[in-house]
Amino acid sequence: MKKYKVNVNGTVYEITLEVMDGAPAAPAAAPAAPAAPAAAAPAGGEKVTSPMPGTILSVNVQNGSAVKKGDVLFVLEAMKMENEIMAPCDGTAASVSVTKGATVESGTLLCVIG
């Protein structure tokens, strides 16, 4: 990902572009709060992944806590909008893989509900 500032008719916009040359892009800078190491997903657990790149604003679930379908597990900021990541099923949070402030990409494992 590369960030650029673009001036369109006197208005300055900050944009981020993803490099799509087939090689993985090197990060421009280390994230402010790195994601916690991903724990192995328990067999048969429901994986909750990030639907888009962004920053985790809040983590509302801990390892071992009970969750119900529709509970807000995480709040993800993407493109200056807050997106609620909800539990897809009832269960227990078997592993939480991110922390508040972590920068995540689309498809990043956030937690597993077992």
PDB file of N, CA and C in Angstrom:
ATOM      1  N   MET A   1       0.843  -1.163   0.000  1.00  0.00           N
ATOM      2  CA  MET A   1       0.000   0.000   0.000  1.00  0.00           C
ATOM      3  C   MET A   1       0.898   1.239   0.000  1.00  0.00           C
ATOM      4  N   LYS A   2       0.553   2.184  -0.833  1.00  0.00           N
ATOM      5  CA  LYS A   2       1.286   3.438  -0.886  1.00  0.00           C
ATOM      6  C   LYS A   2       0.295   4.575  -0.735  1.00  0.00           C
ATOM      7  N   LYS A   3       0.686   5.594   0.039  1.00  0.00           N
ATOM      8  CA  LYS A   3      -0.169   6.761   0.253  1.00  0.00           C
ATOM      9  C   LYS A   3       0.320   7.910  -0.617  1.00  0.00           C
ATOM     10  N   TYR A   4      -0.651   8.638  -1.186  1.00  0.00           N
ATOM     11  CA  TYR A   4      -0.352   9.788  -2.023  1.00  0.00           C
ATOM     12  C   TYR A   4      -1.309  10.919  -1.667  1.00  0.00           C
ATOM     13  N   LYS A   5      -0.866  12.150  -1.937  1.00  0.00           N
ATOM     14  CA  LYS A   5      -1.755  13.301  -1.844  1.00  0.00           C
ATOM     15  C   LYS A   5      -2.008  13.774  -3.266  1.00  0.00           C
ATOM     16  N   VAL A   6      -3.284  13.995  -3.586  1.00  0.00           N
ATOM     17  CA  VAL A   6      -3.682  14.389  -4.931  1.00  0.00           C
ATOM     18  C   VAL A   6      -4.448  15.702  -4.837  1.00  0.00           C
ATOM     19  N   ASN A   7      -4.128  16.643  -5.710  1.00  0.00           N
ATOM     20  CA  ASN A   7      -4.818  17.926  -5.751  1.00  0.00           C
ATOM     21  C   ASN A   7      -5.761  17.906  -6.951  1.00  0.00           C
ATOM     22  N   VAL A   8      -7.081  17.986  -6.669  1.00  0.00           N
ATOM     23  CA  VAL A   8      -8.086  18.004  -7.722  1.00  0.00           C
ATOM     24  C   VAL A   8      -8.862  19.307  -7.610  1.00  0.00           C
ATOM     25  N   ASN A   9      -8.684  20.179  -8.608  1.00  0.00           N
ATOM     26  CA  ASN A   9      -9.372  21.467  -8.645  1.00  0.00           C
ATOM     27  C   ASN A   9      -9.208  22.252  -7.349  1.00  0.00           C
ATOM     28  N   GLY A  10      -7.992  22.232  -6.778  1.00  0.00           N
ATOM     29  CA  GLY A  10      -7.713  23.001  -5.569  1.00  0.00           C
ATOM     30  C   GLY A  10      -8.026  22.277  -4.271  1.00  0.00           C
ATOM     31  N   THR A  11      -8.629  21.081  -4.322  1.00  0.00           N
ATOM     32  CA  THR A  11      -8.921  20.309  -3.120  1.00  0.00           C
ATOM     33  C   THR A  11      -7.910  19.169  -3.021  1.00  0.00           C
ATOM     34  N   VAL A  12      -7.268  19.056  -1.846  1.00  0.00           N
ATOM     35  CA  VAL A  12      -6.255  18.026  -1.645  1.00  0.00           C
ATOM     36  C   VAL A  12      -6.909  16.799  -1.022  1.00  0.00           C
ATOM     37  N   TYR A  13      -6.679  15.637  -1.633  1.00  0.00           N
ATOM     38  CA  TYR A  13      -7.186  14.363  -1.139  1.00  0.00           C
ATOM     39  C   TYR A  13      -6.004  13.457  -0.817  1.00  0.00           C
ATOM     40  N   GLU A  14      -6.128  12.675   0.266  1.00  0.00           N
ATOM     41  CA  GLU A  14      -5.120  11.673   0.580  1.00  0.00           C
ATOM     42  C   GLU A  14      -5.677  10.326   0.145  1.00  0.00           C
ATOM     43  N   ILE A  15      -4.926   9.616  -0.700  1.00  0.00           N
ATOM     44  CA  ILE A  15      -5.396   8.321  -1.200  1.00  0.00           C
ATOM     45  C   ILE A  15      -4.371   7.242  -0.880  1.00  0.00           C
ATOM     46  N   THR A  16      -4.835   6.014  -0.815  1.00  0.00           N
ATOM     47  CA  THR A  16      -3.965   4.865  -0.608  1.00  0.00           C
ATOM     48  C   THR A  16      -4.188   3.906  -1.766  1.00  0.00           C
ATOM     49  N   LEU A  17      -3.097   3.492  -2.405  1.00  0.00           N
ATOM     50  CA  LEU A  17      -3.177   2.585  -3.541  1.00  0.00           C
ATOM     51  C   LEU A  17      -2.487   1.284  -3.195  1.00  0.00           C
ATOM     52  N   GLU A  18      -3.084   0.186  -3.619  1.00  0.00           N
ATOM     53  CA  GLU A  18      -2.490  -1.123  -3.410  1.00  0.00           C
ATOM     54  C   GLU A  18      -1.676  -1.490  -4.643  1.00  0.00           C
ATOM     55  N   VAL A  19      -0.443  -1.921  -4.429  1.00  0.00           N
ATOM     56  CA  VAL A  19       0.435  -2.319  -5.526  1.00  0.00           C
ATOM     57  C   VAL A  19       0.014  -3.716  -5.979  1.00  0.00           C
ATOM     58  N   MET A  20      -0.291  -3.878  -7.275  1.00  0.00           N
ATOM     59  CA  MET A  20      -0.807  -5.148  -7.799  1.00  0.00           C
ATOM     60  C   MET A  20       0.126  -5.729  -8.854  1.00  0.00           C
ATOM     61  N   ASP A  21       1.439  -5.801  -8.576  1.00  0.00           N
ATOM     62  CA  ASP A  21       2.385  -6.305  -9.568  1.00  0.00           C
ATOM     63  C   ASP A  21       2.695  -7.790  -9.402  1.00  0.00           C
ATOM     64  N   GLY A  22       1.967  -8.472  -8.526  1.00  0.00           N
ATOM     65  CA  GLY A  22       2.183  -9.898  -8.313  1.00  0.00           C
ATOM     66  C   GLY A  22       3.117 -10.195  -7.158  1.00  0.00           C
ATOM     67  N   ALA A  23       3.964  -9.236  -6.790  1.00  0.00           N
ATOM     68  CA  ALA A  23       4.866  -9.427  -5.651  1.00  0.00           C
ATOM     69  C   ALA A  23       4.249  -8.767  -4.431  1.00  0.00           C
ATOM     70  N   PRO A  24       4.441  -9.343  -3.254  1.00  0.00           N
ATOM     71  CA  PRO A  24       3.891  -8.710  -2.062  1.00  0.00           C
ATOM     72  C   PRO A  24       4.549  -7.360  -1.826  1.00  0.00           C
ATOM     73  N   ALA A  25       3.741  -6.375  -1.467  1.00  0.00           N
ATOM     74  CA  ALA A  25       4.245  -5.031  -1.225  1.00  0.00           C
ATOM     75  C   ALA A  25       4.884  -4.962   0.155  1.00  0.00           C
ATOM     76  N   ALA A  26       6.036  -4.291   0.230  1.00  0.00           N
ATOM     77  CA  ALA A  26       6.689  -4.102   1.523  1.00  0.00           C
ATOM     78  C   ALA A  26       5.967  -2.991   2.265  1.00  0.00           C
ATOM     79  N   PRO A  27       5.735  -3.138   3.555  1.00  0.00           N
ATOM     80  CA  PRO A  27       5.047  -2.083   4.288  1.00  0.00           C
ATOM     81  C   PRO A  27       5.890  -0.812   4.320  1.00  0.00           C
ATOM     82  N   ALA A  28       5.224   0.344   4.191  1.00  0.00           N
ATOM     83  CA  ALA A  28       5.921   1.621   4.186  1.00  0.00           C
ATOM     84  C   ALA A  28       6.478   1.932   5.565  1.00  0.00           C
ATOM     85  N   ALA A  29       5.724   1.615   6.607  1.00  0.00           N
ATOM     86  CA  ALA A  29       6.164   1.854   7.979  1.00  0.00           C
ATOM     87  C   ALA A  29       5.517   0.815   8.869  1.00  0.00           C
ATOM     88  N   ALA A  30       6.119   0.579  10.001  1.00  0.00           N
ATOM     89  CA  ALA A  30       5.552  -0.383  10.941  1.00  0.00           C
ATOM     90  C   ALA A  30       4.247   0.166  11.507  1.00  0.00           C
ATOM     91  N   PRO A  31       3.229  -0.677  11.695  1.00  0.00           N
ATOM     92  CA  PRO A  31       1.978  -0.189  12.263  1.00  0.00           C
ATOM     93  C   PRO A  31       2.190   0.301  13.688  1.00  0.00           C
ATOM     94  N   ALA A  32       1.352   1.249  14.118  1.00  0.00           N
ATOM     95  CA  ALA A  32       1.471   1.829  15.455  1.00  0.00           C
ATOM     96  C   ALA A  32       1.304   0.768  16.531  1.00  0.00           C
ATOM     97  N   ALA A  33       0.364  -0.141  16.328  1.00  0.00           N
ATOM     98  CA  ALA A  33       0.137  -1.225  17.296  1.00  0.00           C
ATOM     99  C   ALA A  33       0.020  -2.515  16.511  1.00  0.00           C
ATOM    100  N   PRO A  34       1.052  -3.342  16.489  1.00  0.00           N
ATOM    101  CA  PRO A  34       0.999  -4.552  15.674  1.00  0.00           C
ATOM    102  C   PRO A  34      -0.051  -5.526  16.177  1.00  0.00           C
ATOM    103  N   ALA A  35      -0.556  -6.316  15.263  1.00  0.00           N
ATOM    104  CA  ALA A  35      -1.547  -7.331  15.626  1.00  0.00           C
ATOM    105  C   ALA A  35      -0.879  -8.396  16.485  1.00  0.00           C
ATOM    106  N   ALA A  36      -1.651  -8.961  17.384  1.00  0.00           N
ATOM    107  CA  ALA A  36      -1.142 -10.042  18.226  1.00  0.00           C
ATOM    108  C   ALA A  36      -0.880 -11.256  17.341  1.00  0.00           C
ATOM    109  N   PRO A  37       0.033 -12.119  17.708  1.00  0.00           N
ATOM    110  CA  PRO A  37       0.273 -13.301  16.889  1.00  0.00           C
ATOM    111  C   PRO A  37      -0.986 -14.147  16.773  1.00  0.00           C
ATOM    112  N   ALA A  38      -1.244 -14.624  15.583  1.00  0.00           N
ATOM    113  CA  ALA A  38      -2.461 -15.414  15.354  1.00  0.00           C
ATOM    114  C   ALA A  38      -2.326 -16.773  16.025  1.00  0.00           C
ATOM    115  N   ALA A  39      -3.334 -17.121  16.780  1.00  0.00           N
ATOM    116  CA  ALA A  39      -3.358 -18.431  17.423  1.00  0.00           C
ATOM    117  C   ALA A  39      -3.958 -19.434  16.454  1.00  0.00           C
ATOM    118  N   ALA A  40      -3.642 -20.681  16.631  1.00  0.00           N
ATOM    119  CA  ALA A  40      -4.187 -21.720  15.767  1.00  0.00           C
ATOM    120  C   ALA A  40      -5.698 -21.817  15.988  1.00  0.00           C
ATOM    121  N   ALA A  41      -6.435 -21.938  14.907  1.00  0.00           N
ATOM    122  CA  ALA A  41      -7.889 -22.034  15.001  1.00  0.00           C
ATOM    123  C   ALA A  41      -8.286 -23.426  15.466  1.00  0.00           C
ATOM    124  N   PRO A  42      -9.166 -23.503  16.469  1.00  0.00           N
ATOM    125  CA  PRO A  42      -9.608 -24.815  16.898  1.00  0.00           C
ATOM    126  C   PRO A  42     -10.397 -25.509  15.794  1.00  0.00           C
ATOM    127  N   ALA A  43     -10.319 -26.830  15.765  1.00  0.00           N
ATOM    128  CA  ALA A  43     -11.034 -27.600  14.744  1.00  0.00           C
ATOM    129  C   ALA A  43     -12.527 -27.343  14.884  1.00  0.00           C
ATOM    130  N   GLY A  44     -13.182 -27.057  13.776  1.00  0.00           N
ATOM    131  CA  GLY A  44     -14.625 -26.846  13.773  1.00  0.00           C
ATOM    132  C   GLY A  44     -15.050 -25.472  14.226  1.00  0.00           C
ATOM    133  N   GLY A  45     -14.116 -24.583  14.534  1.00  0.00           N
ATOM    134  CA  GLY A  45     -14.463 -23.239  14.977  1.00  0.00           C
ATOM    135  C   GLY A  45     -14.879 -22.360  13.811  1.00  0.00           C
ATOM    136  N   GLU A  46     -15.723 -21.377  14.108  1.00  0.00           N
ATOM    137  CA  GLU A  46     -16.168 -20.407  13.103  1.00  0.00           C
ATOM    138  C   GLU A  46     -15.179 -19.250  13.085  1.00  0.00           C
ATOM    139  N   LYS A  47     -14.499 -19.051  11.944  1.00  0.00           N
ATOM    140  CA  LYS A  47     -13.508 -17.987  11.828  1.00  0.00           C
ATOM    141  C   LYS A  47     -14.207 -16.667  11.527  1.00  0.00           C
ATOM    142  N   VAL A  48     -13.796 -15.617  12.222  1.00  0.00           N
ATOM    143  CA  VAL A  48     -14.279 -14.258  11.959  1.00  0.00           C
ATOM    144  C   VAL A  48     -13.101 -13.502  11.374  1.00  0.00           C
ATOM    145  N   THR A  49     -13.244 -13.042  10.120  1.00  0.00           N
ATOM    146  CA  THR A  49     -12.155 -12.352   9.437  1.00  0.00           C
ATOM    147  C   THR A  49     -12.552 -10.920   9.113  1.00  0.00           C
ATOM    148  N   SER A  50     -11.560 -10.107   8.857  1.00  0.00           N
ATOM    149  CA  SER A  50     -11.795  -8.712   8.504  1.00  0.00           C
ATOM    150  C   SER A  50     -12.347  -8.640   7.082  1.00  0.00           C
ATOM    151  N   PRO A  51     -13.474  -7.936   6.891  1.00  0.00           N
ATOM    152  CA  PRO A  51     -14.041  -7.828   5.550  1.00  0.00           C
ATOM    153  C   PRO A  51     -13.304  -6.828   4.656  1.00  0.00           C
ATOM    154  N   MET A  52     -12.447  -5.986   5.269  1.00  0.00           N
ATOM    155  CA  MET A  52     -11.751  -4.939   4.520  1.00  0.00           C
ATOM    156  C   MET A  52     -10.530  -4.488   5.309  1.00  0.00           C
ATOM    157  N   PRO A  53      -9.582  -3.812   4.656  1.00  0.00           N
ATOM    158  CA  PRO A  53      -8.444  -3.288   5.404  1.00  0.00           C
ATOM    159  C   PRO A  53      -8.869  -2.126   6.288  1.00  0.00           C
ATOM    160  N   GLY A  54      -8.214  -1.969   7.424  1.00  0.00           N
ATOM    161  CA  GLY A  54      -8.543  -0.865   8.319  1.00  0.00           C
ATOM    162  C   GLY A  54      -7.805  -0.984   9.635  1.00  0.00           C
ATOM    163  N   THR A  55      -8.298  -0.228  10.630  1.00  0.00           N
ATOM    164  CA  THR A  55      -7.704  -0.190  11.967  1.00  0.00           C
ATOM    165  C   THR A  55      -8.736  -0.622  12.988  1.00  0.00           C
ATOM    166  N   ILE A  56      -8.356  -1.491  13.900  1.00  0.00           N
ATOM    167  CA  ILE A  56      -9.258  -1.955  14.949  1.00  0.00           C
ATOM    168  C   ILE A  56      -9.402  -0.847  15.993  1.00  0.00           C
ATOM    169  N   LEU A  57     -10.612  -0.298  16.141  1.00  0.00           N
ATOM    170  CA  LEU A  57     -10.864   0.752  17.123  1.00  0.00           C
ATOM    171  C   LEU A  57     -11.211   0.184  18.487  1.00  0.00           C
ATOM    172  N   SER A  58     -11.923  -0.944  18.518  1.00  0.00           N
ATOM    173  CA  SER A  58     -12.238  -1.560  19.805  1.00  0.00           C
ATOM    174  C   SER A  58     -12.385  -3.062  19.656  1.00  0.00           C
ATOM    175  N   VAL A  59     -12.008  -3.753  20.740  1.00  0.00           N
ATOM    176  CA  VAL A  59     -12.139  -5.204  20.821  1.00  0.00           C
ATOM    177  C   VAL A  59     -13.100  -5.464  21.972  1.00  0.00           C
ATOM    178  N   ASN A  60     -14.287  -5.980  21.664  1.00  0.00           N
ATOM    179  CA  ASN A  60     -15.342  -6.167  22.660  1.00  0.00           C
ATOM    180  C   ASN A  60     -15.461  -7.610  23.129  1.00  0.00           C
ATOM    181  N   VAL A  61     -14.483  -8.443  22.829  1.00  0.00           N
ATOM    182  CA  VAL A  61     -14.530  -9.864  23.177  1.00  0.00           C
ATOM    183  C   VAL A  61     -13.155 -10.287  23.694  1.00  0.00           C
ATOM    184  N   GLN A  62     -13.146 -11.239  24.621  1.00  0.00           N
ATOM    185  CA  GLN A  62     -11.902 -11.781  25.163  1.00  0.00           C
ATOM    186  C   GLN A  62     -11.912 -13.287  24.998  1.00  0.00           C
ATOM    187  N   ASN A  63     -10.741 -13.887  25.060  1.00  0.00           N
ATOM    188  CA  ASN A  63     -10.660 -15.347  24.997  1.00  0.00           C
ATOM    189  C   ASN A  63     -11.524 -15.955  26.100  1.00  0.00           C
ATOM    190  N   GLY A  64     -12.362 -16.914  25.726  1.00  0.00           N
ATOM    191  CA  GLY A  64     -13.200 -17.611  26.695  1.00  0.00           C
ATOM    192  C   GLY A  64     -14.543 -16.965  26.970  1.00  0.00           C
ATOM    193  N   SER A  65     -14.797 -15.756  26.422  1.00  0.00           N
ATOM    194  CA  SER A  65     -16.088 -15.112  26.690  1.00  0.00           C
ATOM    195  C   SER A  65     -17.175 -15.670  25.777  1.00  0.00           C
ATOM    196  N   ALA A  66     -18.392 -15.769  26.326  1.00  0.00           N
ATOM    197  CA  ALA A  66     -19.534 -16.271  25.562  1.00  0.00           C
ATOM    198  C   ALA A  66     -20.055 -15.170  24.655  1.00  0.00           C
ATOM    199  N   VAL A  67     -20.407 -15.518  23.416  1.00  0.00           N
ATOM    200  CA  VAL A  67     -20.967 -14.561  22.467  1.00  0.00           C
ATOM    201  C   VAL A  67     -22.243 -15.128  21.861  1.00  0.00           C
ATOM    202  N   LYS A  68     -23.131 -14.246  21.491  1.00  0.00           N
ATOM    203  CA  LYS A  68     -24.368 -14.632  20.818  1.00  0.00           C
ATOM    204  C   LYS A  68     -24.340 -14.074  19.404  1.00  0.00           C
ATOM    205  N   LYS A  69     -25.013 -14.731  18.495  1.00  0.00           N
ATOM    206  CA  LYS A  69     -25.078 -14.285  17.110  1.00  0.00           C
ATOM    207  C   LYS A  69     -25.562 -12.832  17.079  1.00  0.00           C
ATOM    208  N   GLY A  70     -24.815 -11.978  16.372  1.00  0.00           N
ATOM    209  CA  GLY A  70     -25.177 -10.567  16.252  1.00  0.00           C
ATOM    210  C   GLY A  70     -24.470  -9.655  17.242  1.00  0.00           C
ATOM    211  N   ASP A  71     -23.788 -10.220  18.264  1.00  0.00           N
ATOM    212  CA  ASP A  71     -23.017  -9.395  19.199  1.00  0.00           C
ATOM    213  C   ASP A  71     -21.902  -8.687  18.439  1.00  0.00           C
ATOM    214  N   VAL A  72     -21.627  -7.429  18.803  1.00  0.00           N
ATOM    215  CA  VAL A  72     -20.535  -6.691  18.174  1.00  0.00           C
ATOM    216  C   VAL A  72     -19.233  -7.129  18.825  1.00  0.00           C
ATOM    217  N   LEU A  73     -18.366  -7.770  18.023  1.00  0.00           N
ATOM    218  CA  LEU A  73     -17.090  -8.266  18.519  1.00  0.00           C
ATOM    219  C   LEU A  73     -15.989  -7.220  18.398  1.00  0.00           C
ATOM    220  N   PHE A  74     -15.974  -6.512  17.268  1.00  0.00           N
ATOM    221  CA  PHE A  74     -14.929  -5.540  16.974  1.00  0.00           C
ATOM    222  C   PHE A  74     -15.553  -4.336  16.283  1.00  0.00           C
ATOM    223  N   VAL A  75     -14.892  -3.176  16.407  1.00  0.00           N
ATOM    224  CA  VAL A  75     -15.232  -2.015  15.592  1.00  0.00           C
ATOM    225  C   VAL A  75     -13.996  -1.731  14.748  1.00  0.00           C
ATOM    226  N   LEU A  76     -14.187  -1.726  13.433  1.00  0.00           N
ATOM    227  CA  LEU A  76     -13.115  -1.559  12.463  1.00  0.00           C
ATOM    228  C   LEU A  76     -13.303  -0.234  11.745  1.00  0.00           C
ATOM    229  N   GLU A  77     -12.278   0.620  11.770  1.00  0.00           N
ATOM    230  CA  GLU A  77     -12.347   1.873  11.026  1.00  0.00           C
ATOM    231  C   GLU A  77     -11.728   1.656   9.654  1.00  0.00           C
ATOM    232  N   ALA A  78     -12.514   1.944   8.629  1.00  0.00           N
ATOM    233  CA  ALA A  78     -12.033   1.844   7.252  1.00  0.00           C
ATOM    234  C   ALA A  78     -12.592   3.027   6.478  1.00  0.00           C
ATOM    235  N   MET A  79     -11.721   3.774   5.838  1.00  0.00           N
ATOM    236  CA  MET A  79     -12.128   4.935   5.039  1.00  0.00           C
ATOM    237  C   MET A  79     -12.944   5.919   5.876  1.00  0.00           C
ATOM    238  N   LYS A  80     -12.483   6.164   7.111  1.00  0.00           N
ATOM    239  CA  LYS A  80     -13.081   7.119   8.040  1.00  0.00           C
ATOM    240  C   LYS A  80     -14.500   6.749   8.462  1.00  0.00           C
ATOM    241  N   MET A  81     -14.869   5.472   8.293  1.00  0.00           N
ATOM    242  CA  MET A  81     -16.174   4.982   8.744  1.00  0.00           C
ATOM    243  C   MET A  81     -15.950   3.856   9.739  1.00  0.00           C
ATOM    244  N   GLU A  82     -16.809   3.802  10.769  1.00  0.00           N
ATOM    245  CA  GLU A  82     -16.728   2.735  11.752  1.00  0.00           C
ATOM    246  C   GLU A  82     -17.629   1.586  11.321  1.00  0.00           C
ATOM    247  N   ASN A  83     -17.055   0.402  11.244  1.00  0.00           N
ATOM    248  CA  ASN A  83     -17.792  -0.791  10.821  1.00  0.00           C
ATOM    249  C   ASN A  83     -17.816  -1.787  11.973  1.00  0.00           C
ATOM    250  N   GLU A  84     -19.021  -2.248  12.332  1.00  0.00           N
ATOM    251  CA  GLU A  84     -19.155  -3.223  13.400  1.00  0.00           C
ATOM    252  C   GLU A  84     -18.990  -4.627  12.833  1.00  0.00           C
ATOM    253  N   ILE A  85     -18.100  -5.402  13.445  1.00  0.00           N
ATOM    254  CA  ILE A  85     -17.894  -6.795  13.053  1.00  0.00           C
ATOM    255  C   ILE A  85     -18.655  -7.624  14.083  1.00  0.00           C
ATOM    256  N   MET A  86     -19.699  -8.331  13.625  1.00  0.00           N
ATOM    257  CA  MET A  86     -20.592  -9.045  14.530  1.00  0.00           C
ATOM    258  C   MET A  86     -20.350 -10.548  14.505  1.00  0.00           C
ATOM    259  N   ALA A  87     -20.737 -11.193  15.599  1.00  0.00           N
ATOM    260  CA  ALA A  87     -20.598 -12.642  15.720  1.00  0.00           C
ATOM    261  C   ALA A  87     -21.535 -13.327  14.733  1.00  0.00           C
ATOM    262  N   PRO A  88     -21.024 -14.263  13.931  1.00  0.00           N
ATOM    263  CA  PRO A  88     -21.865 -14.958  12.959  1.00  0.00           C
ATOM    264  C   PRO A  88     -22.690 -16.088  13.586  1.00  0.00           C
ATOM    265  N   CYS A  89     -22.358 -16.454  14.848  1.00  0.00           N
ATOM    266  CA  CYS A  89     -23.040 -17.572  15.495  1.00  0.00           C
ATOM    267  C   CYS A  89     -22.891 -17.459  17.010  1.00  0.00           C
ATOM    268  N   ASP A  90     -23.654 -18.260  17.742  1.00  0.00           N
ATOM    269  CA  ASP A  90     -23.495 -18.364  19.191  1.00  0.00           C
ATOM    270  C   ASP A  90     -22.270 -19.222  19.484  1.00  0.00           C
ATOM    271  N   GLY A  91     -21.626 -18.968  20.606  1.00  0.00           N
ATOM    272  CA  GLY A  91     -20.497 -19.811  20.996  1.00  0.00           C
ATOM    273  C   GLY A  91     -19.607 -19.131  22.006  1.00  0.00           C
ATOM    274  N   THR A  92     -18.367 -19.579  22.053  1.00  0.00           N
ATOM    275  CA  THR A  92     -17.361 -19.041  22.957  1.00  0.00           C
ATOM    276  C   THR A  92     -16.162 -18.599  22.126  1.00  0.00           C
ATOM    277  N   ALA A  93     -15.648 -17.418  22.436  1.00  0.00           N
ATOM    278  CA  ALA A  93     -14.468 -16.919  21.726  1.00  0.00           C
ATOM    279  C   ALA A  93     -13.278 -17.786  22.108  1.00  0.00           C
ATOM    280  N   ALA A  94     -12.831 -18.614  21.190  1.00  0.00           N
ATOM    281  CA  ALA A  94     -11.743 -19.549  21.461  1.00  0.00           C
ATOM    282  C   ALA A  94     -10.383 -18.874  21.309  1.00  0.00           C
ATOM    283  N   SER A  95     -10.270 -17.928  20.390  1.00  0.00           N
ATOM    284  CA  SER A  95      -9.014 -17.188  20.242  1.00  0.00           C
ATOM    285  C   SER A  95      -9.301 -15.830  19.624  1.00  0.00           C
ATOM    286  N   VAL A  96      -8.759 -14.796  20.240  1.00  0.00           N
ATOM    287  CA  VAL A  96      -8.851 -13.430  19.717  1.00  0.00           C
ATOM    288  C   VAL A  96      -7.455 -13.087  19.222  1.00  0.00           C
ATOM    289  N   SER A  97      -7.361 -12.744  17.932  1.00  0.00           N
ATOM    290  CA  SER A  97      -6.051 -12.599  17.286  1.00  0.00           C
ATOM    291  C   SER A  97      -5.587 -11.167  17.094  1.00  0.00           C
ATOM    292  N   VAL A  98      -6.400 -10.161  17.441  1.00  0.00           N
ATOM    293  CA  VAL A  98      -6.011  -8.769  17.232  1.00  0.00           C
ATOM    294  C   VAL A  98      -6.212  -7.966  18.511  1.00  0.00           C
ATOM    295  N   THR A  99      -5.554  -6.814  18.551  1.00  0.00           N
ATOM    296  CA  THR A  99      -5.676  -5.907  19.681  1.00  0.00           C
ATOM    297  C   THR A  99      -6.141  -4.546  19.187  1.00  0.00           C
ATOM    298  N   LYS A 100      -6.616  -3.728  20.101  1.00  0.00           N
ATOM    299  CA  LYS A 100      -7.036  -2.365  19.762  1.00  0.00           C
ATOM    300  C   LYS A 100      -5.858  -1.616  19.143  1.00  0.00           C
ATOM    301  N   GLY A 101      -6.117  -0.918  18.051  1.00  0.00           N
ATOM    302  CA  GLY A 101      -5.081  -0.154  17.373  1.00  0.00           C
ATOM    303  C   GLY A 101      -4.361  -0.912  16.274  1.00  0.00           C
ATOM    304  N   ALA A 102      -4.619  -2.213  16.155  1.00  0.00           N
ATOM    305  CA  ALA A 102      -3.944  -3.023  15.142  1.00  0.00           C
ATOM    306  C   ALA A 102      -4.433  -2.649  13.745  1.00  0.00           C
ATOM    307  N   THR A 103      -3.535  -2.659  12.788  1.00  0.00           N
ATOM    308  CA  THR A 103      -3.883  -2.449  11.388  1.00  0.00           C
ATOM    309  C   THR A 103      -4.052  -3.824  10.757  1.00  0.00           C
ATOM    310  N   VAL A 104      -5.195  -4.039  10.092  1.00  0.00           N
ATOM    311  CA  VAL A 104      -5.480  -5.342   9.492  1.00  0.00           C
ATOM    312  C   VAL A 104      -5.759  -5.187   8.006  1.00  0.00           C
ATOM    313  N   GLU A 105      -5.543  -6.252   7.284  1.00  0.00           N
ATOM    314  CA  GLU A 105      -5.854  -6.311   5.857  1.00  0.00           C
ATOM    315  C   GLU A 105      -7.137  -7.110   5.666  1.00  0.00           C
ATOM    316  N   SER A 106      -7.703  -7.057   4.501  1.00  0.00           N
ATOM    317  CA  SER A 106      -8.888  -7.844   4.181  1.00  0.00           C
ATOM    318  C   SER A 106      -8.554  -9.323   4.330  1.00  0.00           C
ATOM    319  N   GLY A 107      -9.400 -10.062   5.054  1.00  0.00           N
ATOM    320  CA  GLY A 107      -9.194 -11.483   5.247  1.00  0.00           C
ATOM    321  C   GLY A 107      -8.378 -11.850   6.480  1.00  0.00           C
ATOM    322  N   THR A 108      -7.892 -10.857   7.215  1.00  0.00           N
ATOM    323  CA  THR A 108      -7.117 -11.122   8.434  1.00  0.00           C
ATOM    324  C   THR A 108      -8.012 -11.803   9.466  1.00  0.00           C
ATOM    325  N   LEU A 109      -7.516 -12.870  10.083  1.00  0.00           N
ATOM    326  CA  LEU A 109      -8.267 -13.564  11.125  1.00  0.00           C
ATOM    327  C   LEU A 109      -8.345 -12.685  12.357  1.00  0.00           C
ATOM    328  N   LEU A 110      -9.575 -12.368  12.801  1.00  0.00           N
ATOM    329  CA  LEU A 110      -9.789 -11.554  13.985  1.00  0.00           C
ATOM    330  C   LEU A 110      -9.991 -12.408  15.221  1.00  0.00           C
ATOM    331  N   CYS A 111     -10.833 -13.439  15.082  1.00  0.00           N
ATOM    332  CA  CYS A 111     -11.043 -14.373  16.195  1.00  0.00           C
ATOM    333  C   CYS A 111     -11.705 -15.634  15.660  1.00  0.00           C
ATOM    334  N   VAL A 112     -11.767 -16.630  16.545  1.00  0.00           N
ATOM    335  CA  VAL A 112     -12.429 -17.889  16.227  1.00  0.00           C
ATOM    336  C   VAL A 112     -13.471 -18.137  17.310  1.00  0.00           C
ATOM    337  N   ILE A 113     -14.683 -18.482  16.891  1.00  0.00           N
ATOM    338  CA  ILE A 113     -15.752 -18.799  17.825  1.00  0.00           C
ATOM    339  C   ILE A 113     -15.965 -20.292  17.784  1.00  0.00           C
ATOM    340  N   GLY A 114     -15.809 -20.928  18.929  1.00  0.00           N
ATOM    341  CA  GLY A 114     -15.920 -22.372  18.994  1.00  0.00           C
ATOM    342  C   GLY A 114     -17.166 -22.828  19.719  1.00  0.00           C
TER     343      GLY A 114
END
